[in-house]
Amino acid sequence: MAKITIKKIAHDLKLAVSTVSKALSDSHEIGTDTKQRVLDYANQMNYVRNAYASSLKNSRTGNIAVVIPEVADSFFALAINGIETIAQEKKSHVLIYLTQENQAKEKSIMEDFRNGRVDGILISVAGGNTSYPHIRDLQERNIPIVFFDRVAQGVTSPRVVTDDFESGYKATHHLLEKGCKRIDFLSLSGNLSIIDARLEGYKKAISDRGESASRSHVIVCTNDNVHNENILASLLERKENRPDGIIASVEKLTLITYTVCTRLGISIPDEMKVVGFTSLPSAALLQPSLTTITQPAFEIGQTAAKLLFELLEKKSKQSPNKMVLLPSLLHERGSTQIKT
């Protein structure tokens, strides 16, 4: 059988070659009926698109970058799965880059993209940054960038996030309703918008009860797990002013809380109630099962990828300030139950 080309399809359907090419690329310039007609005929003739040739013609690599702090966190693993579903539909490759919460590494990664290695970037920024010249530089080079979860403060670009203030408030209110008298918030060092917003929600919930969130109730942790275990052990070994409720603002601090409580013989939830910000699938299997604030990680990844491809394909004139806000959910489980 002769090789099926775009020219052959155009000839058989009595259409312009450019029309067929745009239809196969899912261009918004082509009507739905014509697009479907071309796709049906291409499938019937077993047409296989030459993605490499297409990328050369359109100056596109067919690659998108996903820049994240880590993959151990279940949120990022689920978000990547969401991104992949859209990238596969678009016949694009996903290249994953890890900053490991290192500002210099994030800068180096972003600088490598100046050579045209990728068509667009999805990024959840590393902690500690206060300025983002490396991101602005790529914007000036017209490389589309979409933030998801962690955003660069002061940088104008589309973003997909959850309401972290509301989530922090919701977690704190839940523990107050369960009778907790002293709730400690496990924070994470670094300039992270999500942590700051969750902390503000925590403070507001306590303030609404007519109490003040003293600084001693906010425990600043680091990215060193051993150091964090020592901080938490020192906190929970107190004879006085020991918390009876803990909010772990990120997943790694939740698991450390369970580890330290087990080591010190502190019963969850009888002596200590715990709420964790996590998308961990095994949260319901922990002993006791963990009450969580869960972000829709998969949907966040999907939505961010859709926004990026809309920018790449110029299918919409979206605002550079566009923000998609997806709700997080509180799943009440055993770690906050009241003893009967």
C-alpha atoms as a PDB file:
ATOM      1  CA  MET A   1       0.000   0.000   0.000  1.00  0.00           C
ATOM      2  CA  ALA A   2       1.290   3.481  -0.890  1.00  0.00           C
ATOM      3  CA  LYS A   3       2.348   5.700   2.003  1.00  0.00           C
ATOM      4  CA  ILE A   4      -0.486   7.885   3.242  1.00  0.00           C
ATOM      5  CA  THR A   5       0.510  11.545   3.460  1.00  0.00           C
ATOM      6  CA  ILE A   6      -1.243  14.800   4.288  1.00  0.00           C
ATOM      7  CA  LYS A   7      -1.180  15.638   0.590  1.00  0.00           C
ATOM      8  CA  LYS A   8      -2.905  12.330  -0.217  1.00  0.00           C
ATOM      9  CA  ILE A   9      -5.609  12.973   2.400  1.00  0.00           C
ATOM     10  CA  ALA A  10      -6.095  16.530   1.115  1.00  0.00           C
ATOM     11  CA  HIS A  11      -6.421  15.252  -2.474  1.00  0.00           C
ATOM     12  CA  ASP A  12      -8.930  12.545  -1.581  1.00  0.00           C
ATOM     13  CA  LEU A  13     -11.079  14.853   0.532  1.00  0.00           C
ATOM     14  CA  LYS A  14     -10.708  17.809  -1.879  1.00  0.00           C
ATOM     15  CA  LEU A  15      -9.333  20.024   0.844  1.00  0.00           C
ATOM     16  CA  ALA A  16      -6.294  22.292   1.080  1.00  0.00           C
ATOM     17  CA  VAL A  17      -3.162  20.706   2.541  1.00  0.00           C
ATOM     18  CA  SER A  18      -3.064  23.444   5.180  1.00  0.00           C
ATOM     19  CA  THR A  19      -6.637  22.611   6.216  1.00  0.00           C
ATOM     20  CA  VAL A  20      -5.798  18.941   6.693  1.00  0.00           C
ATOM     21  CA  SER A  21      -2.627  19.796   8.612  1.00  0.00           C
ATOM     22  CA  LYS A  22      -4.516  22.102  10.973  1.00  0.00           C
ATOM     23  CA  ALA A  23      -7.311  19.582  11.430  1.00  0.00           C
ATOM     24  CA  LEU A  24      -4.821  16.890  12.419  1.00  0.00           C
ATOM     25  CA  SER A  25      -3.263  19.363  14.882  1.00  0.00           C
ATOM     26  CA  ASP A  26      -6.675  20.039  16.453  1.00  0.00           C
ATOM     27  CA  SER A  27      -6.471  23.715  15.495  1.00  0.00           C
ATOM     28  CA  HIS A  28      -9.293  26.022  16.588  1.00  0.00           C
ATOM     29  CA  GLU A  29      -9.222  27.513  13.070  1.00  0.00           C
ATOM     30  CA  ILE A  30     -10.902  24.422  11.608  1.00  0.00           C
ATOM     31  CA  GLY A  31     -14.602  23.689  12.063  1.00  0.00           C
ATOM     32  CA  THR A  32     -15.689  20.651  14.067  1.00  0.00           C
ATOM     33  CA  ASP A  33     -17.311  18.864  11.102  1.00  0.00           C
ATOM     34  CA  THR A  34     -14.292  19.284   8.835  1.00  0.00           C
ATOM     35  CA  LYS A  35     -11.939  18.291  11.624  1.00  0.00           C
ATOM     36  CA  GLN A  36     -13.912  15.108  12.316  1.00  0.00           C
ATOM     37  CA  ARG A  37     -14.082  14.274   8.613  1.00  0.00           C
ATOM     38  CA  VAL A  38     -10.301  14.526   8.294  1.00  0.00           C
ATOM     39  CA  LEU A  39      -9.662  12.509  11.464  1.00  0.00           C
ATOM     40  CA  ASP A  40     -12.076   9.754  10.447  1.00  0.00           C
ATOM     41  CA  TYR A  41     -10.466   9.428   7.017  1.00  0.00           C
ATOM     42  CA  ALA A  42      -6.942   9.515   8.478  1.00  0.00           C
ATOM     43  CA  ASN A  43      -7.844   6.700  10.878  1.00  0.00           C
ATOM     44  CA  GLN A  44      -9.480   4.729   8.089  1.00  0.00           C
ATOM     45  CA  MET A  45      -6.305   4.992   5.998  1.00  0.00           C
ATOM     46  CA  ASN A  46      -4.036   4.198   8.999  1.00  0.00           C
ATOM     47  CA  TYR A  47      -2.290   7.538   8.658  1.00  0.00           C
ATOM     48  CA  VAL A  48       0.611   8.007  11.110  1.00  0.00           C
ATOM     49  CA  ARG A  49       1.744  11.561  11.699  1.00  0.00           C
ATOM     50  CA  ASN A  50       5.476  12.313  11.512  1.00  0.00           C
ATOM     51  CA  ALA A  51       5.850  14.133  14.816  1.00  0.00           C
ATOM     52  CA  TYR A  52       9.534  14.824  14.262  1.00  0.00           C
ATOM     53  CA  ALA A  53       8.965  16.532  10.916  1.00  0.00           C
ATOM     54  CA  SER A  54       6.083  18.470  12.384  1.00  0.00           C
ATOM     55  CA  SER A  55       8.198  19.718  15.267  1.00  0.00           C
ATOM     56  CA  LEU A  56      10.879  20.942  12.873  1.00  0.00           C
ATOM     57  CA  LYS A  57       8.361  22.802  10.767  1.00  0.00           C
ATOM     58  CA  ASN A  58       6.660  24.426  13.749  1.00  0.00           C
ATOM     59  CA  SER A  59       9.841  24.957  15.793  1.00  0.00           C
ATOM     60  CA  ARG A  60       8.352  22.779  18.515  1.00  0.00           C
ATOM     61  CA  THR A  61      10.194  20.054  20.405  1.00  0.00           C
ATOM     62  CA  GLY A  62       7.154  18.092  21.555  1.00  0.00           C
ATOM     63  CA  ASN A  63       8.521  18.286  25.109  1.00  0.00           C
ATOM     64  CA  ILE A  64       7.136  20.012  28.189  1.00  0.00           C
ATOM     65  CA  ALA A  65       9.039  20.375  31.452  1.00  0.00           C
ATOM     66  CA  VAL A  66       7.662  19.690  34.919  1.00  0.00           C
ATOM     67  CA  VAL A  67       9.837  21.295  37.597  1.00  0.00           C
ATOM     68  CA  ILE A  68       9.070  20.148  41.153  1.00  0.00           C
ATOM     69  CA  PRO A  69      10.817  20.074  44.549  1.00  0.00           C
ATOM     70  CA  GLU A  70      10.570  16.306  45.045  1.00  0.00           C
ATOM     71  CA  VAL A  71       8.764  13.130  43.996  1.00  0.00           C
ATOM     72  CA  ALA A  72       8.574  11.473  47.422  1.00  0.00           C
ATOM     73  CA  ASP A  73       5.550  13.629  48.288  1.00  0.00           C
ATOM     74  CA  SER A  74       2.382  11.892  47.094  1.00  0.00           C
ATOM     75  CA  PHE A  75       0.925  15.217  45.904  1.00  0.00           C
ATOM     76  CA  PHE A  76       3.565  15.587  43.211  1.00  0.00           C
ATOM     77  CA  ALA A  77       3.339  11.948  42.171  1.00  0.00           C
ATOM     78  CA  LEU A  78      -0.423  12.304  41.611  1.00  0.00           C
ATOM     79  CA  ALA A  79      -0.034  15.695  39.918  1.00  0.00           C
ATOM     80  CA  ILE A  80       2.470  14.218  37.456  1.00  0.00           C
ATOM     81  CA  ASN A  81      -0.035  11.483  36.602  1.00  0.00           C
ATOM     82  CA  GLY A  82      -2.602  14.176  35.844  1.00  0.00           C
ATOM     83  CA  ILE A  83      -0.138  16.069  33.671  1.00  0.00           C
ATOM     84  CA  GLU A  84       0.754  12.886  31.796  1.00  0.00           C
ATOM     85  CA  THR A  85      -2.869  12.217  30.798  1.00  0.00           C
ATOM     86  CA  ILE A  86      -3.057  15.554  28.983  1.00  0.00           C
ATOM     87  CA  ALA A  87       0.432  15.330  27.504  1.00  0.00           C
ATOM     88  CA  GLN A  88      -0.362  11.916  26.020  1.00  0.00           C
ATOM     89  CA  GLU A  89      -3.485  13.330  24.376  1.00  0.00           C
ATOM     90  CA  LYS A  90      -1.300  16.040  22.855  1.00  0.00           C
ATOM     91  CA  LYS A  91       1.395  13.556  21.758  1.00  0.00           C
ATOM     92  CA  SER A  92       3.939  15.382  23.918  1.00  0.00           C
ATOM     93  CA  HIS A  93       6.694  14.106  26.186  1.00  0.00           C
ATOM     94  CA  VAL A  94       6.934  15.064  29.860  1.00  0.00           C
ATOM     95  CA  LEU A  95      10.436  15.779  31.162  1.00  0.00           C
ATOM     96  CA  ILE A  96      10.642  15.866  34.966  1.00  0.00           C
ATOM     97  CA  TYR A  97      13.219  17.985  36.793  1.00  0.00           C
ATOM     98  CA  LEU A  98      13.797  17.920  40.566  1.00  0.00           C
ATOM     99  CA  THR A  99      15.026  21.006  42.400  1.00  0.00           C
ATOM    100  CA  GLN A 100      15.272  19.188  45.768  1.00  0.00           C
ATOM    101  CA  GLU A 101      14.184  22.447  47.438  1.00  0.00           C
ATOM    102  CA  ASN A 102      17.405  24.051  46.219  1.00  0.00           C
ATOM    103  CA  GLN A 103      17.143  27.582  44.837  1.00  0.00           C
ATOM    104  CA  ALA A 104      20.423  27.404  42.927  1.00  0.00           C
ATOM    105  CA  LYS A 105      19.408  24.126  41.292  1.00  0.00           C
ATOM    106  CA  GLU A 106      16.038  25.562  40.265  1.00  0.00           C
ATOM    107  CA  LYS A 107      17.815  28.526  38.682  1.00  0.00           C
ATOM    108  CA  SER A 108      20.252  26.249  36.830  1.00  0.00           C
ATOM    109  CA  ILE A 109      17.426  24.062  35.502  1.00  0.00           C
ATOM    110  CA  MET A 110      15.451  27.043  34.256  1.00  0.00           C
ATOM    111  CA  GLU A 111      18.514  28.553  32.591  1.00  0.00           C
ATOM    112  CA  ASP A 112      18.989  25.315  30.626  1.00  0.00           C
ATOM    113  CA  PHE A 113      15.559  25.846  29.062  1.00  0.00           C
ATOM    114  CA  ARG A 114      16.761  28.977  27.275  1.00  0.00           C
ATOM    115  CA  ASN A 115      18.185  26.815  24.492  1.00  0.00           C
ATOM    116  CA  GLY A 116      14.717  25.688  23.353  1.00  0.00           C
ATOM    117  CA  ARG A 117      14.861  22.254  24.958  1.00  0.00           C
ATOM    118  CA  VAL A 118      11.171  22.427  25.923  1.00  0.00           C
ATOM    119  CA  ASP A 119       8.071  24.132  24.553  1.00  0.00           C
ATOM    120  CA  GLY A 120       6.606  25.116  27.906  1.00  0.00           C
ATOM    121  CA  ILE A 121       7.047  24.700  31.643  1.00  0.00           C
ATOM    122  CA  LEU A 122       4.878  23.589  34.554  1.00  0.00           C
ATOM    123  CA  ILE A 123       6.523  24.511  37.850  1.00  0.00           C
ATOM    124  CA  SER A 124       5.986  24.256  41.577  1.00  0.00           C
ATOM    125  CA  VAL A 125       8.706  26.477  42.971  1.00  0.00           C
ATOM    126  CA  ALA A 126      11.365  25.579  45.536  1.00  0.00           C
ATOM    127  CA  GLY A 127      11.245  27.109  48.984  1.00  0.00           C
ATOM    128  CA  GLY A 128      13.463  30.001  50.012  1.00  0.00           C
ATOM    129  CA  ASN A 129      13.194  32.131  46.884  1.00  0.00           C
ATOM    130  CA  THR A 130      12.284  35.775  47.294  1.00  0.00           C
ATOM    131  CA  SER A 131      12.935  36.858  43.696  1.00  0.00           C
ATOM    132  CA  TYR A 132      12.624  35.000  40.428  1.00  0.00           C
ATOM    133  CA  PRO A 133      14.787  36.543  37.670  1.00  0.00           C
ATOM    134  CA  HIS A 134      15.347  33.081  36.158  1.00  0.00           C
ATOM    135  CA  ILE A 135      11.597  32.691  35.629  1.00  0.00           C
ATOM    136  CA  ARG A 136      11.083  36.219  34.304  1.00  0.00           C
ATOM    137  CA  ASP A 137      13.949  35.672  31.856  1.00  0.00           C
ATOM    138  CA  LEU A 138      12.120  32.732  30.264  1.00  0.00           C
ATOM    139  CA  GLN A 139       8.885  34.716  30.121  1.00  0.00           C
ATOM    140  CA  GLU A 140      10.723  37.428  28.197  1.00  0.00           C
ATOM    141  CA  ARG A 141      11.810  34.722  25.756  1.00  0.00           C
ATOM    142  CA  ASN A 142       8.108  33.841  25.230  1.00  0.00           C
ATOM    143  CA  ILE A 143       8.367  30.408  26.826  1.00  0.00           C
ATOM    144  CA  PRO A 144       4.957  29.693  28.413  1.00  0.00           C
ATOM    145  CA  ILE A 145       5.022  28.991  32.154  1.00  0.00           C
ATOM    146  CA  VAL A 146       2.180  27.766  34.375  1.00  0.00           C
ATOM    147  CA  PHE A 147       2.483  27.468  38.143  1.00  0.00           C
ATOM    148  CA  PHE A 148       0.776  24.731  40.103  1.00  0.00           C
ATOM    149  CA  ASP A 149       0.453  24.466  43.898  1.00  0.00           C
ATOM    150  CA  ARG A 150       3.523  26.554  44.778  1.00  0.00           C
ATOM    151  CA  VAL A 151       3.628  29.872  42.982  1.00  0.00           C
ATOM    152  CA  ALA A 152       6.322  32.529  42.580  1.00  0.00           C
ATOM    153  CA  GLN A 153       5.093  35.556  44.476  1.00  0.00           C
ATOM    154  CA  GLY A 154       5.094  38.678  42.337  1.00  0.00           C
ATOM    155  CA  VAL A 155       5.438  36.819  39.023  1.00  0.00           C
ATOM    156  CA  THR A 156       2.533  37.189  36.613  1.00  0.00           C
ATOM    157  CA  SER A 157       1.622  33.853  35.048  1.00  0.00           C
ATOM    158  CA  PRO A 158      -1.355  31.443  35.024  1.00  0.00           C
ATOM    159  CA  ARG A 159      -1.625  29.245  38.114  1.00  0.00           C
ATOM    160  CA  VAL A 160      -3.619  26.319  39.495  1.00  0.00           C
ATOM    161  CA  VAL A 161      -3.875  26.295  43.275  1.00  0.00           C
ATOM    162  CA  THR A 162      -6.055  25.436  46.242  1.00  0.00           C
ATOM    163  CA  ASP A 163      -7.312  27.815  48.919  1.00  0.00           C
ATOM    164  CA  ASP A 164      -4.580  27.168  51.478  1.00  0.00           C
ATOM    165  CA  PHE A 165      -5.871  29.818  53.887  1.00  0.00           C
ATOM    166  CA  GLU A 166      -9.262  28.119  54.004  1.00  0.00           C
ATOM    167  CA  SER A 167      -7.598  24.714  54.372  1.00  0.00           C
ATOM    168  CA  GLY A 168      -5.506  25.895  57.336  1.00  0.00           C
ATOM    169  CA  TYR A 169      -8.604  27.367  58.923  1.00  0.00           C
ATOM    170  CA  LYS A 170     -10.589  24.182  58.320  1.00  0.00           C
ATOM    171  CA  ALA A 171      -7.907  21.944  59.881  1.00  0.00           C
ATOM    172  CA  THR A 172      -7.626  24.130  62.980  1.00  0.00           C
ATOM    173  CA  HIS A 173     -11.374  24.513  63.415  1.00  0.00           C
ATOM    174  CA  HIS A 174     -11.736  20.733  63.223  1.00  0.00           C
ATOM    175  CA  LEU A 175      -9.251  20.198  66.076  1.00  0.00           C
ATOM    176  CA  LEU A 176     -10.888  22.898  68.179  1.00  0.00           C
ATOM    177  CA  GLU A 177     -14.233  21.212  67.673  1.00  0.00           C
ATOM    178  CA  LYS A 178     -12.642  17.968  68.867  1.00  0.00           C
ATOM    179  CA  GLY A 179     -11.715  19.628  72.144  1.00  0.00           C
ATOM    180  CA  CYS A 180      -8.039  20.442  71.596  1.00  0.00           C
ATOM    181  CA  LYS A 181      -6.774  23.163  73.935  1.00  0.00           C
ATOM    182  CA  ARG A 182      -3.282  23.690  72.521  1.00  0.00           C
ATOM    183  CA  ILE A 183      -2.752  23.138  68.813  1.00  0.00           C
ATOM    184  CA  ASP A 184       0.762  23.359  67.412  1.00  0.00           C
ATOM    185  CA  PHE A 185       1.345  24.118  63.747  1.00  0.00           C
ATOM    186  CA  LEU A 186       4.323  22.361  62.162  1.00  0.00           C
ATOM    187  CA  SER A 187       5.626  24.802  59.579  1.00  0.00           C
ATOM    188  CA  LEU A 188       8.440  24.485  57.055  1.00  0.00           C
ATOM    189  CA  SER A 189      11.286  26.945  56.684  1.00  0.00           C
ATOM    190  CA  GLY A 190      11.543  28.851  53.429  1.00  0.00           C
ATOM    191  CA  ASN A 191       9.535  31.419  51.561  1.00  0.00           C
ATOM    192  CA  LEU A 192       6.596  29.213  50.549  1.00  0.00           C
ATOM    193  CA  SER A 193       3.242  30.810  49.788  1.00  0.00           C
ATOM    194  CA  ILE A 194       1.295  27.628  50.588  1.00  0.00           C
ATOM    195  CA  ILE A 195       2.765  27.339  54.098  1.00  0.00           C
ATOM    196  CA  ASP A 196       2.246  31.043  54.805  1.00  0.00           C
ATOM    197  CA  ALA A 197      -1.417  30.829  53.751  1.00  0.00           C
ATOM    198  CA  ARG A 198      -2.066  27.668  55.802  1.00  0.00           C
ATOM    199  CA  LEU A 199      -0.457  29.333  58.820  1.00  0.00           C
ATOM    200  CA  GLU A 200      -2.635  32.430  58.425  1.00  0.00           C
ATOM    201  CA  GLY A 201      -5.718  30.209  58.299  1.00  0.00           C
ATOM    202  CA  TYR A 202      -4.555  28.476  61.494  1.00  0.00           C
ATOM    203  CA  LYS A 203      -4.087  31.804  63.272  1.00  0.00           C
ATOM    204  CA  LYS A 204      -7.468  33.098  62.135  1.00  0.00           C
ATOM    205  CA  ALA A 205      -9.305  29.994  63.393  1.00  0.00           C
ATOM    206  CA  ILE A 206      -7.699  30.358  66.825  1.00  0.00           C
ATOM    207  CA  SER A 207      -8.353  34.109  66.837  1.00  0.00           C
ATOM    208  CA  ASP A 208     -12.017  33.486  66.063  1.00  0.00           C
ATOM    209  CA  ARG A 209     -12.142  31.519  69.328  1.00  0.00           C
ATOM    210  CA  GLY A 210     -10.960  34.595  71.185  1.00  0.00           C
ATOM    211  CA  GLU A 211      -7.434  33.289  71.707  1.00  0.00           C
ATOM    212  CA  SER A 212      -4.081  34.414  70.339  1.00  0.00           C
ATOM    213  CA  ALA A 213      -1.778  32.210  68.321  1.00  0.00           C
ATOM    214  CA  SER A 214       1.456  32.770  70.209  1.00  0.00           C
ATOM    215  CA  ARG A 215       4.658  32.233  68.293  1.00  0.00           C
ATOM    216  CA  SER A 216       5.518  29.259  70.510  1.00  0.00           C
ATOM    217  CA  HIS A 217       2.679  27.325  68.914  1.00  0.00           C
ATOM    218  CA  VAL A 218       4.308  27.516  65.482  1.00  0.00           C
ATOM    219  CA  ILE A 219       7.131  24.992  65.163  1.00  0.00           C
ATOM    220  CA  VAL A 220       9.468  25.738  62.264  1.00  0.00           C
ATOM    221  CA  CYS A 221      10.898  22.560  60.733  1.00  0.00           C
ATOM    222  CA  THR A 222      13.404  22.020  57.935  1.00  0.00           C
ATOM    223  CA  ASN A 223      13.944  19.603  55.046  1.00  0.00           C
ATOM    224  CA  ASP A 224      16.154  17.416  57.275  1.00  0.00           C
ATOM    225  CA  ASN A 225      14.007  14.559  58.608  1.00  0.00           C
ATOM    226  CA  VAL A 226      16.368  13.680  61.457  1.00  0.00           C
ATOM    227  CA  HIS A 227      16.439  17.295  62.608  1.00  0.00           C
ATOM    228  CA  ASN A 228      12.651  17.447  62.457  1.00  0.00           C
ATOM    229  CA  GLU A 229      12.290  14.275  64.532  1.00  0.00           C
ATOM    230  CA  ASN A 230      14.527  15.809  67.188  1.00  0.00           C
ATOM    231  CA  ILE A 231      12.519  19.051  67.201  1.00  0.00           C
ATOM    232  CA  LEU A 232       9.238  17.185  67.553  1.00  0.00           C
ATOM    233  CA  ALA A 233      10.558  14.785  70.201  1.00  0.00           C
ATOM    234  CA  SER A 234      11.766  17.722  72.269  1.00  0.00           C
ATOM    235  CA  LEU A 235       8.321  19.314  71.939  1.00  0.00           C
ATOM    236  CA  LEU A 236       6.366  16.201  72.909  1.00  0.00           C
ATOM    237  CA  GLU A 237       8.611  15.246  75.831  1.00  0.00           C
ATOM    238  CA  ARG A 238       7.529  18.361  77.710  1.00  0.00           C
ATOM    239  CA  LYS A 239       5.765  17.906  81.020  1.00  0.00           C
ATOM    240  CA  GLU A 240       4.003  21.266  80.635  1.00  0.00           C
ATOM    241  CA  ASN A 241       2.486  23.066  77.653  1.00  0.00           C
ATOM    242  CA  ARG A 242       2.599  19.951  75.533  1.00  0.00           C
ATOM    243  CA  PRO A 243       0.202  20.188  72.585  1.00  0.00           C
ATOM    244  CA  ASP A 244      -2.856  17.967  72.408  1.00  0.00           C
ATOM    245  CA  GLY A 245      -3.323  18.687  68.710  1.00  0.00           C
ATOM    246  CA  ILE A 246      -0.901  18.953  65.790  1.00  0.00           C
ATOM    247  CA  ILE A 247      -1.349  20.268  62.259  1.00  0.00           C
ATOM    248  CA  ALA A 248       1.360  18.996  59.926  1.00  0.00           C
ATOM    249  CA  SER A 249       1.529  21.515  57.083  1.00  0.00           C
ATOM    250  CA  VAL A 250       3.218  19.100  54.647  1.00  0.00           C
ATOM    251  CA  GLU A 251       3.211  15.331  54.185  1.00  0.00           C
ATOM    252  CA  LYS A 252       6.714  14.577  55.504  1.00  0.00           C
ATOM    253  CA  LEU A 253       5.876  16.236  58.839  1.00  0.00           C
ATOM    254  CA  THR A 254       2.763  14.086  59.207  1.00  0.00           C
ATOM    255  CA  LEU A 255       4.710  10.831  59.004  1.00  0.00           C
ATOM    256  CA  ILE A 256       7.359  12.149  61.404  1.00  0.00           C
ATOM    257  CA  THR A 257       4.610  13.035  63.903  1.00  0.00           C
ATOM    258  CA  TYR A 258       3.380   9.437  63.860  1.00  0.00           C
ATOM    259  CA  THR A 259       6.935   8.135  64.218  1.00  0.00           C
ATOM    260  CA  VAL A 260       7.758  10.308  67.231  1.00  0.00           C
ATOM    261  CA  CYS A 261       4.414   9.657  68.964  1.00  0.00           C
ATOM    262  CA  THR A 262       4.966   5.905  68.595  1.00  0.00           C
ATOM    263  CA  ARG A 263       8.520   6.157  69.933  1.00  0.00           C
ATOM    264  CA  LEU A 264       7.434   8.179  72.966  1.00  0.00           C
ATOM    265  CA  GLY A 265       4.352   6.060  73.653  1.00  0.00           C
ATOM    266  CA  ILE A 266       1.949   8.954  73.029  1.00  0.00           C
ATOM    267  CA  SER A 267      -1.476   7.663  72.023  1.00  0.00           C
ATOM    268  CA  ILE A 268      -3.143   9.076  68.889  1.00  0.00           C
ATOM    269  CA  PRO A 269      -5.904  10.284  69.218  1.00  0.00           C
ATOM    270  CA  ASP A 270      -6.364   9.888  73.000  1.00  0.00           C
ATOM    271  CA  GLU A 271      -3.399  12.074  73.980  1.00  0.00           C
ATOM    272  CA  MET A 272      -2.654  13.728  70.657  1.00  0.00           C
ATOM    273  CA  LYS A 273      -4.931  14.502  67.721  1.00  0.00           C
ATOM    274  CA  VAL A 274      -3.326  14.929  64.311  1.00  0.00           C
ATOM    275  CA  VAL A 275      -4.372  16.501  61.017  1.00  0.00           C
ATOM    276  CA  GLY A 276      -2.005  16.252  58.051  1.00  0.00           C
ATOM    277  CA  PHE A 277      -1.865  18.022  54.706  1.00  0.00           C
ATOM    278  CA  THR A 278      -1.338  15.038  52.440  1.00  0.00           C
ATOM    279  CA  SER A 279      -2.638  13.160  49.421  1.00  0.00           C
ATOM    280  CA  LEU A 280      -1.121   9.930  50.734  1.00  0.00           C
ATOM    281  CA  PRO A 281      -3.301   7.020  49.500  1.00  0.00           C
ATOM    282  CA  SER A 282      -2.357   4.975  52.578  1.00  0.00           C
ATOM    283  CA  ALA A 283      -3.650   7.627  55.025  1.00  0.00           C
ATOM    284  CA  ALA A 284      -6.719   5.475  55.679  1.00  0.00           C
ATOM    285  CA  LEU A 285      -4.472   2.478  56.438  1.00  0.00           C
ATOM    286  CA  LEU A 286      -2.286   4.096  59.091  1.00  0.00           C
ATOM    287  CA  GLN A 287      -2.832   3.106  62.732  1.00  0.00           C
ATOM    288  CA  PRO A 288      -4.873   5.027  63.596  1.00  0.00           C
ATOM    289  CA  SER A 289      -6.129   6.195  60.228  1.00  0.00           C
ATOM    290  CA  LEU A 290      -5.111   9.788  59.494  1.00  0.00           C
ATOM    291  CA  THR A 291      -7.442  12.774  59.248  1.00  0.00           C
ATOM    292  CA  THR A 292      -6.256  14.729  56.221  1.00  0.00           C
ATOM    293  CA  ILE A 293      -6.625  17.920  54.281  1.00  0.00           C
ATOM    294  CA  THR A 294      -6.345  16.509  50.776  1.00  0.00           C
ATOM    295  CA  GLN A 295      -5.649  18.540  47.657  1.00  0.00           C
ATOM    296  CA  PRO A 296      -7.070  17.322  44.338  1.00  0.00           C
ATOM    297  CA  ALA A 297      -3.540  16.656  43.099  1.00  0.00           C
ATOM    298  CA  PHE A 298      -4.446  14.712  39.958  1.00  0.00           C
ATOM    299  CA  GLU A 299      -6.953  17.382  38.876  1.00  0.00           C
ATOM    300  CA  ILE A 300      -4.448  20.150  39.635  1.00  0.00           C
ATOM    301  CA  GLY A 301      -1.919  18.481  37.336  1.00  0.00           C
ATOM    302  CA  GLN A 302      -4.495  17.989  34.585  1.00  0.00           C
ATOM    303  CA  THR A 303      -5.769  21.550  34.784  1.00  0.00           C
ATOM    304  CA  ALA A 304      -2.279  23.053  34.778  1.00  0.00           C
ATOM    305  CA  ALA A 305      -1.335  20.977  31.724  1.00  0.00           C
ATOM    306  CA  LYS A 306      -4.487  22.069  29.895  1.00  0.00           C
ATOM    307  CA  LEU A 307      -3.653  25.719  30.552  1.00  0.00           C
ATOM    308  CA  LEU A 308      -0.122  25.200  29.256  1.00  0.00           C
ATOM    309  CA  PHE A 309      -1.273  23.545  26.026  1.00  0.00           C
ATOM    310  CA  GLU A 310      -3.835  26.293  25.480  1.00  0.00           C
ATOM    311  CA  LEU A 311      -0.962  28.762  25.611  1.00  0.00           C
ATOM    312  CA  LEU A 312       1.185  26.641  23.293  1.00  0.00           C
ATOM    313  CA  GLU A 313      -1.610  26.153  20.763  1.00  0.00           C
ATOM    314  CA  LYS A 314      -2.880  29.712  21.168  1.00  0.00           C
ATOM    315  CA  LYS A 315      -6.418  28.373  21.507  1.00  0.00           C
ATOM    316  CA  SER A 316      -7.393  30.984  24.059  1.00  0.00           C
ATOM    317  CA  LYS A 317      -6.463  34.519  24.994  1.00  0.00           C
ATOM    318  CA  GLN A 318      -6.289  33.766  28.681  1.00  0.00           C
ATOM    319  CA  SER A 319      -5.316  36.453  31.144  1.00  0.00           C
ATOM    320  CA  PRO A 320      -1.682  36.274  32.307  1.00  0.00           C
ATOM    321  CA  ASN A 321      -3.131  36.565  35.827  1.00  0.00           C
ATOM    322  CA  LYS A 322      -5.528  33.651  35.342  1.00  0.00           C
ATOM    323  CA  MET A 323      -5.941  31.605  38.505  1.00  0.00           C
ATOM    324  CA  VAL A 324      -7.840  28.334  38.795  1.00  0.00           C
ATOM    325  CA  LEU A 325      -8.813  27.608  42.408  1.00  0.00           C
ATOM    326  CA  LEU A 326      -9.678  23.990  43.215  1.00  0.00           C
ATOM    327  CA  PRO A 327     -11.119  22.964  46.602  1.00  0.00           C
ATOM    328  CA  SER A 328      -9.304  20.804  49.149  1.00  0.00           C
ATOM    329  CA  LEU A 329     -11.263  18.373  51.310  1.00  0.00           C
ATOM    330  CA  LEU A 330     -11.076  17.436  54.971  1.00  0.00           C
ATOM    331  CA  HIS A 331     -11.331  13.661  55.420  1.00  0.00           C
ATOM    332  CA  GLU A 332     -12.080  12.897  59.061  1.00  0.00           C
ATOM    333  CA  ARG A 333     -10.565   9.616  60.287  1.00  0.00           C
ATOM    334  CA  GLY A 334      -9.263   7.980  63.429  1.00  0.00           C
ATOM    335  CA  SER A 335      -6.462  10.428  64.330  1.00  0.00           C
ATOM    336  CA  THR A 336      -8.980  13.039  65.506  1.00  0.00           C
ATOM    337  CA  GLN A 337     -11.670  10.872  67.027  1.00  0.00           C
ATOM    338  CA  ILE A 338     -13.022  11.698  70.483  1.00  0.00           C
ATOM    339  CA  LYS A 339     -12.748   8.878  72.985  1.00  0.00           C
ATOM    340  CA  THR A 340     -16.169   7.649  74.071  1.00  0.00           C
END
